[in-house]
Every structure is written in structure tokens, then in C-alpha cells.
């Protein structure tokens, strides 16, 4: 009887929190995610994982990185008790899973090459990479090393999107901010990726051709899907809200609230992924998003000529 009661009590104990490590403290996401996980007093606190270590990283040639990397690292350390490590290799010895947060998409392949050696699951924050070639190489390395991963914008898990998926959906117009960063090969990958991901969340895979139209204050990309659907994004400078209009033969719906509804839904998906190993997004959809942005870049460089995805 005593053995039975002991076993019953043991199975009732909560599972130990997963230990998470952050690579790249040069984005506000590193602090925002940690606040949700490490602060039990946070109104949106999520149980099951804690950030225990971080590697600063950073990019000296991008102001958004170099001006914030030390500030966010200090906040993680002093406010949330996160240990700062001198390199990625040291961080990997202290964690069960990795949040690759570096704001500079160019850094992701190089950092993923180091992370993948540990065989631990990885969430890669937007943008997955700064080029289609790098995105595909990350996916190849993951397969080669049997490492689970996914990448997503917070907008994919917006509370607003589900109600906009009307029956017979045959077209989508999505918009959002479109600031540029000169070092990223794909101009959309720096910030326009949020709106691209909104489009693919609504329409899924199947885009075969895009056309790019540019102006000083906005870029417009229209994609043709194999089944006849049409998806368009408009990225606006210097800033705008996020939005979507969904079209079907019987209805047209537009969001009434901004699509950004907080980080908690994304972080919840990340924890579930780390716990189960099952990604909430097909990696082929993520890679097609980058093929879309790659084709858009080539269309832009060709003066707006229709351009096939490759």
C-alpha cells in the first residue's frame, strides 16, 4: 500500500520546467518571452518552461541590434535571473531547448550551425533567414541532424485571424509595416515577413508567381496561387497597423482590431512544441514564404515583371 501511495504521489507532481536558452538578446522578444515564462505574477504567465541562460550575440552594423543588445541582456540577468554565457557552446550545456532570437536574420544560419550540434529543439524567431538559400540550408541541416524546429511570426497565432477564414476563401489582401534594413538580401524579410506570414496563414501553400510594385512609401506584392486564388500584401512605410481583408464569393471580411494581440499565443505554441516535438507549422510552408519573398525581390529587380517561385 505504501509503495502504491508513493507512486500515486509521484505521478501527481508537476513536471519540471523545461530549461530554455536564448541566443541573441538584441530583440525585445527576448525580454517579452522571458517575462511570460519567468514571472509568475505576469497576467499572461505560461507554465512549463523557464529561460535560464542567454548568449548576447549582436550585429555591430545594424543599429537596432547594437543599440539594444547590452540593455536587454542586462534586463534578462537582473530582472529575470537569466545567466549570461560567453558563447553558444556553453549555453547548450545548460538548456533543454533553444530560442534563436537574434534580430539579424543573416546571423541565423551561422548560429544554427552551432546549435544543431546539440540535437535540441529550436524555435527560430522571424526572420528565419535573410535569404532563400540560407532558409533552405537551415532546413537541410535540421534534417541531417534530426533536429526539430519551427519559425513563425507572432501574427500567425493572432486571436483575430480565425474569424476571417470565410467559407470559399479565394483571395486575401494583407497589410502591415514595411521598414527596410539595408543588409538583408530580401527586403521583405526584415519586417514585411510579418505580413507575408499573415497571407500564408490565410491561404496556405501553392503560390506559383508574384509581381512586385514599389513606391517610396509602400511596396505591393501580388501572388497567384495554383488553384486560382490571389493574395496581395502591402507593406507600408514608415509604419502602419496590421490588417487583413478576406474575400469569398459570398462574403468579404476585414479585421476590426489590429492583428497583433500579444505574444502569449506564440509562446504557448513554442512550449507545446518543445514538449511534444511536433511543430505547429509545416516547414514547407515556411520555406515557400521565403520563396515568395525571393521571387518578389527578383520581380522588383526586373522592374515589376511577373516572376515564378523557385
Protein backbone atom coordinates (compact mmCIF):
# COMPACT_ATOMS: atom_id res chain seq x y z
CA UNK A 1 0.00 0.00 0.00
CA UNK A 2 2.82 2.40 0.90
CA UNK A 3 4.50 1.75 -2.48
CA UNK A 4 1.22 2.40 -4.27
CA UNK A 5 0.68 5.69 -2.40
CA UNK A 6 4.26 6.77 -3.14
CA UNK A 7 3.82 6.08 -6.84
CA UNK A 8 0.47 7.89 -6.85
CA UNK A 9 2.03 10.93 -5.21
CA UNK A 10 4.95 10.88 -7.61
CA UNK A 11 2.71 10.89 -10.66
CA UNK A 12 0.80 13.85 -9.22
CA UNK A 13 3.92 16.02 -9.00
CA UNK A 14 4.24 18.68 -11.73
CA UNK A 15 6.81 18.01 -14.40
CA UNK A 16 9.99 20.05 -14.06
CA UNK A 17 10.08 23.19 -16.16
CA UNK A 18 11.99 22.94 -19.41
CA UNK A 19 15.20 24.94 -19.30
CA UNK A 20 15.36 27.34 -22.25
CA UNK A 21 18.30 29.25 -23.65
CA UNK A 22 18.16 32.44 -25.69
CA UNK A 23 20.62 33.11 -28.50
CA UNK A 24 20.51 36.83 -29.30
CA UNK A 25 19.49 39.45 -26.75
CA UNK A 26 19.23 42.21 -29.38
CA UNK A 27 15.44 41.98 -29.76
CA UNK A 28 12.62 42.98 -27.46
CA UNK A 29 11.23 39.47 -27.97
CA UNK A 30 13.97 38.06 -25.73
CA UNK A 31 12.64 40.06 -22.78
CA UNK A 32 8.96 39.74 -23.70
CA UNK A 33 9.12 35.95 -23.96
CA UNK A 34 11.10 35.68 -20.72
CA UNK A 35 8.57 37.85 -18.89
CA UNK A 36 5.79 35.43 -19.85
CA UNK A 37 7.78 32.40 -18.75
CA UNK A 38 9.78 33.50 -15.72
CA UNK A 39 7.44 35.95 -13.99
CA UNK A 40 4.65 34.09 -12.19
CA UNK A 41 2.97 37.43 -11.42
CA UNK A 42 2.57 38.26 -15.12
CA UNK A 43 -1.15 38.19 -16.00
CA UNK A 44 -0.32 36.07 -19.07
CA UNK A 45 2.22 33.83 -17.31
CA UNK A 46 2.79 30.48 -19.03
CA UNK A 47 3.95 27.46 -17.04
CA UNK A 48 6.12 24.62 -18.22
CA UNK A 49 9.35 26.36 -19.18
CA UNK A 50 11.83 28.96 -17.93
CA UNK A 51 14.60 30.91 -19.61
CA UNK A 52 17.75 30.07 -17.66
CA UNK A 53 20.59 31.17 -19.94
CA UNK A 54 21.30 33.61 -22.75
CA UNK A 55 24.08 34.42 -25.20
CA UNK A 56 24.11 38.08 -26.23
CA UNK A 57 25.27 37.86 -29.84
CA UNK A 58 24.50 41.08 -31.71
CA UNK A 59 25.37 42.76 -35.02
CA UNK A 60 27.58 45.84 -34.96
CA UNK A 61 26.41 47.06 -38.39
CA UNK A 62 22.68 47.13 -37.51
CA UNK A 63 21.67 49.93 -35.13
CA UNK A 64 18.55 48.07 -33.97
CA UNK A 65 20.89 45.35 -32.73
CA UNK A 66 23.97 47.15 -31.43
CA UNK A 67 22.00 49.79 -29.53
CA UNK A 68 19.90 47.24 -27.61
CA UNK A 69 21.87 44.03 -27.14
CA UNK A 70 23.52 45.02 -23.84
CA UNK A 71 20.39 46.69 -22.47
CA UNK A 72 18.21 43.62 -22.98
CA UNK A 73 20.94 41.28 -21.71
CA UNK A 74 21.18 43.31 -18.50
CA UNK A 75 17.40 43.20 -18.03
CA UNK A 76 17.32 39.43 -18.54
CA UNK A 77 20.08 39.00 -15.97
CA UNK A 78 18.99 41.41 -13.25
CA UNK A 79 15.20 41.21 -13.52
CA UNK A 80 14.66 37.58 -14.51
CA UNK A 81 17.74 35.78 -13.15
CA UNK A 82 18.98 34.60 -16.55
CA UNK A 83 22.63 33.52 -16.70
CA UNK A 84 24.64 35.20 -19.47
CA UNK A 85 27.03 32.80 -21.19
CA UNK A 86 30.19 33.70 -23.16
CA UNK A 87 29.30 31.58 -26.17
CA UNK A 88 26.65 29.33 -27.70
CA UNK A 89 28.53 26.14 -26.82
CA UNK A 90 28.37 26.96 -23.11
CA UNK A 91 24.69 27.86 -23.33
CA UNK A 92 23.89 24.49 -24.91
CA UNK A 93 25.21 22.63 -21.87
CA UNK A 94 22.67 24.35 -19.62
CA UNK A 95 19.39 24.05 -21.54
CA UNK A 96 16.85 21.60 -22.94
CA UNK A 97 15.75 23.76 -25.89
CA UNK A 98 16.77 26.95 -27.68
CA UNK A 99 15.09 30.20 -28.65
CA UNK A 100 17.13 31.62 -31.56
CA UNK A 101 16.15 35.27 -31.20
CA UNK A 102 18.86 37.26 -32.98
CA UNK A 103 17.17 40.21 -34.68
CA UNK A 104 19.55 39.93 -37.64
CA UNK A 105 18.37 37.17 -39.98
CA UNK A 106 21.84 36.99 -41.53
CA UNK A 107 23.14 35.54 -38.26
CA UNK A 108 20.69 32.68 -38.06
CA UNK A 109 22.42 30.14 -40.32
CA UNK A 110 25.80 30.63 -38.64
CA UNK A 111 24.25 30.35 -35.18
CA UNK A 112 22.05 27.41 -36.15
CA UNK A 113 25.15 25.52 -37.36
CA UNK A 114 26.39 25.65 -33.76
CA UNK A 115 23.04 24.98 -32.11
CA UNK A 116 22.17 21.98 -34.27
CA UNK A 117 25.17 20.03 -32.96
CA UNK A 118 23.44 19.63 -29.58
CA UNK A 119 20.39 17.91 -31.10
CA UNK A 120 17.95 20.05 -29.10
CA UNK A 121 14.69 21.54 -30.43
CA UNK A 122 14.87 25.13 -31.68
CA UNK A 123 12.43 27.95 -32.22
CA UNK A 124 13.82 30.44 -34.76
CA UNK A 125 12.27 33.87 -34.48
CA UNK A 126 11.43 35.92 -37.53
CA UNK A 127 13.01 36.24 -39.95
CA UNK A 128 14.12 32.63 -40.34
CA UNK A 129 16.94 33.95 -42.53
CA UNK A 130 17.80 36.87 -44.80
CA UNK A 131 17.82 34.77 -47.98
CA UNK A 132 16.06 31.78 -49.52
CA UNK A 133 19.35 29.88 -49.76
CA UNK A 134 20.02 30.33 -46.02
CA UNK A 135 16.45 29.29 -45.14
CA UNK A 136 16.78 26.09 -47.17
CA UNK A 137 20.19 25.34 -45.65
CA UNK A 138 18.77 25.67 -42.13
CA UNK A 139 16.07 23.15 -43.05
CA UNK A 140 18.67 20.81 -44.57
CA UNK A 141 20.90 20.96 -41.51
CA UNK A 142 17.92 20.23 -39.27
CA UNK A 143 17.01 17.14 -41.30
CA UNK A 144 20.61 15.95 -41.43
CA UNK A 145 20.94 16.23 -37.64
CA UNK A 146 17.38 15.14 -36.80
CA UNK A 147 16.69 18.44 -35.03
CA UNK A 148 13.12 19.66 -34.61
CA UNK A 149 12.50 23.33 -35.39
CA UNK A 150 9.96 25.87 -36.49
CA UNK A 151 9.84 29.58 -37.22
CA UNK A 152 6.88 31.94 -37.07
CA UNK A 153 5.67 35.49 -36.75
CA UNK A 154 3.54 36.29 -33.74
CA UNK A 155 0.76 37.24 -36.18
CA UNK A 156 0.25 33.63 -37.26
CA UNK A 157 -1.35 32.95 -33.89
CA UNK A 158 -3.37 36.17 -33.66
CA UNK A 159 -6.73 35.85 -31.92
CA UNK A 160 -8.27 37.80 -34.81
CA UNK A 161 -7.36 35.63 -37.82
CA UNK A 162 -9.59 32.56 -37.29
CA UNK A 163 -12.80 34.57 -37.68
CA UNK A 164 -11.59 35.92 -41.04
CA UNK A 165 -11.24 32.49 -42.69
CA UNK A 166 -14.53 32.61 -44.58
CA UNK A 167 -16.01 29.65 -46.48
CA UNK A 168 -14.88 29.58 -50.09
CA UNK A 169 -11.93 31.86 -49.41
CA UNK A 170 -10.47 32.80 -52.79
CA UNK A 171 -8.45 35.91 -52.08
CA UNK A 172 -6.67 37.85 -49.35
CA UNK A 173 -5.34 41.40 -49.03
CA UNK A 174 -2.98 41.85 -46.07
CA UNK A 175 -1.11 44.91 -44.90
CA UNK A 176 1.38 45.96 -42.26
CA UNK A 177 4.52 47.99 -41.54
CA UNK A 178 7.36 47.72 -44.03
CA UNK A 179 10.55 49.37 -42.72
CA UNK A 180 13.67 48.29 -44.60
CA UNK A 181 17.10 47.14 -43.44
CA UNK A 182 19.89 47.58 -46.00
CA UNK A 183 21.87 44.46 -45.10
CA UNK A 184 19.11 41.90 -45.65
CA UNK A 185 19.14 40.34 -49.11
CA UNK A 186 15.34 40.05 -49.25
CA UNK A 187 13.81 43.45 -48.48
CA UNK A 188 10.60 41.85 -47.18
CA UNK A 189 12.40 39.57 -44.74
CA UNK A 190 13.32 42.30 -42.25
CA UNK A 191 9.79 43.34 -41.25
CA UNK A 192 7.48 42.66 -44.16
CA UNK A 193 7.77 38.98 -43.23
CA UNK A 194 5.00 39.57 -40.67
CA UNK A 195 2.57 40.46 -43.44
CA UNK A 196 3.83 37.69 -45.71
CA UNK A 197 3.17 35.20 -42.91
CA UNK A 198 -0.31 36.62 -42.39
CA UNK A 199 -1.01 36.00 -46.07
CA UNK A 200 0.22 32.39 -45.90
CA UNK A 201 -1.65 31.74 -42.66
CA UNK A 202 -4.82 32.61 -44.54
CA UNK A 203 -4.09 30.96 -47.92
CA UNK A 204 -1.56 28.23 -47.19
CA UNK A 205 0.87 26.86 -49.76
CA UNK A 206 0.50 26.91 -53.53
CA UNK A 207 1.79 30.28 -54.76
CA UNK A 208 3.48 29.99 -58.13
CA UNK A 209 4.11 33.55 -59.36
CA UNK A 210 4.42 37.06 -57.91
CA UNK A 211 4.52 40.65 -59.16
CA UNK A 212 6.20 43.46 -57.22
CA UNK A 213 5.21 47.13 -57.36
CA UNK A 214 7.35 49.65 -55.47
CA UNK A 215 6.96 53.24 -54.33
CA UNK A 216 8.69 55.39 -51.74
CA UNK A 217 6.11 54.78 -49.02
CA UNK A 218 4.87 51.27 -49.78
CA UNK A 219 5.58 48.01 -51.60
CA UNK A 220 2.80 45.85 -53.04
CA UNK A 221 3.27 42.20 -53.95
CA UNK A 222 0.57 40.14 -55.61
CA UNK A 223 0.81 36.36 -55.77
CA UNK A 224 -1.10 33.90 -57.95
CA UNK A 225 -1.87 30.52 -56.39
CA UNK A 226 -2.05 27.34 -58.49
CA UNK A 227 -5.75 26.91 -57.78
CA UNK A 228 -6.63 30.42 -58.96
CA UNK A 229 -6.64 32.24 -55.63
CA UNK A 230 -4.94 35.64 -55.44
CA UNK A 231 -3.09 37.02 -52.44
CA UNK A 232 -1.75 40.54 -52.09
CA UNK A 233 0.36 42.23 -49.44
CA UNK A 234 1.00 45.92 -48.92
CA UNK A 235 3.91 46.87 -46.63
CA UNK A 236 3.73 50.50 -45.59
CA UNK A 237 6.46 52.92 -44.53
CA UNK A 238 7.27 54.27 -42.08
CA UNK A 239 4.62 52.40 -40.10
CA UNK A 240 1.04 51.10 -40.08
CA UNK A 241 -1.27 48.77 -38.21
CA UNK A 242 -1.62 45.12 -39.28
CA UNK A 243 -4.73 44.09 -41.17
CA UNK A 244 -6.41 41.59 -43.49
CA UNK A 245 -9.34 41.55 -45.86
CA UNK A 246 -10.60 38.09 -46.83
CA UNK A 247 -12.66 37.51 -49.98
CA UNK A 248 -15.07 34.75 -50.95
CA UNK A 249 -17.99 34.60 -53.42
CA UNK A 250 -20.43 35.11 -50.55
CA UNK A 251 -18.59 37.33 -48.07
CA UNK A 252 -15.88 39.93 -47.57
CA UNK A 253 -14.43 40.30 -44.08
CA UNK A 254 -11.92 42.78 -42.67
CA UNK A 255 -10.50 42.75 -39.16
CA UNK A 256 -11.88 45.40 -36.83
CA UNK A 257 -8.99 45.12 -34.35
CA UNK A 258 -5.26 45.17 -35.02
CA UNK A 259 -3.97 41.67 -35.76
CA UNK A 260 -1.32 41.94 -33.07
CA UNK A 261 -2.88 40.50 -29.90
CA UNK A 262 0.22 39.83 -27.79
CA UNK A 263 2.99 37.24 -27.59
CA UNK A 264 1.26 34.73 -25.34
CA UNK A 265 -0.27 32.59 -28.10
CA UNK A 266 3.06 32.21 -29.88
CA UNK A 267 4.95 31.40 -26.68
CA UNK A 268 2.30 28.83 -25.75
CA UNK A 269 2.85 27.15 -29.14
CA UNK A 270 6.61 27.21 -28.59
CA UNK A 271 6.30 25.47 -25.22
CA UNK A 272 3.99 22.81 -26.65
CA UNK A 273 6.44 22.26 -29.49
CA UNK A 274 9.35 21.84 -27.08
CA UNK A 275 7.30 19.40 -25.02
CA UNK A 276 5.97 17.27 -27.89
CA UNK A 277 8.45 17.75 -30.74
CA UNK A 278 5.53 18.48 -33.06
CA UNK A 279 5.81 21.78 -34.92
CA UNK A 280 2.59 23.80 -35.38
CA UNK A 281 3.61 24.76 -38.93
CA UNK A 282 4.71 22.65 -41.89
CA UNK A 283 8.30 23.64 -42.65
CA UNK A 284 7.46 23.57 -46.36
CA UNK A 285 5.05 26.46 -45.81
CA UNK A 286 7.77 28.45 -44.07
CA UNK A 287 10.16 27.75 -46.94
CA UNK A 288 7.52 28.72 -49.51
CA UNK A 289 7.16 32.05 -47.73
CA UNK A 290 10.84 32.63 -48.40
CA UNK A 291 10.47 31.52 -52.00
CA UNK A 292 7.65 34.10 -52.23
CA UNK A 293 9.90 36.86 -50.85
CA UNK A 294 12.76 35.72 -53.11
CA UNK A 295 10.53 35.90 -56.18
CA UNK A 296 9.27 39.31 -55.06
CA UNK A 297 12.86 40.56 -54.82
CA UNK A 298 13.65 39.28 -58.30
CA UNK A 299 10.45 40.85 -59.64
CA UNK A 300 11.45 44.16 -58.06
CA UNK A 301 14.89 43.97 -59.66
CA UNK A 302 13.24 43.17 -63.02
CA UNK A 303 11.08 46.29 -62.89
CA UNK A 304 7.97 44.50 -61.65
CA UNK A 305 7.90 41.64 -64.16
CA UNK A 306 5.85 38.59 -63.11
CA UNK A 307 8.30 36.15 -61.55
CA UNK A 308 7.97 32.43 -60.79
CA UNK A 309 8.87 30.98 -57.41
CA UNK A 310 11.91 28.73 -57.46
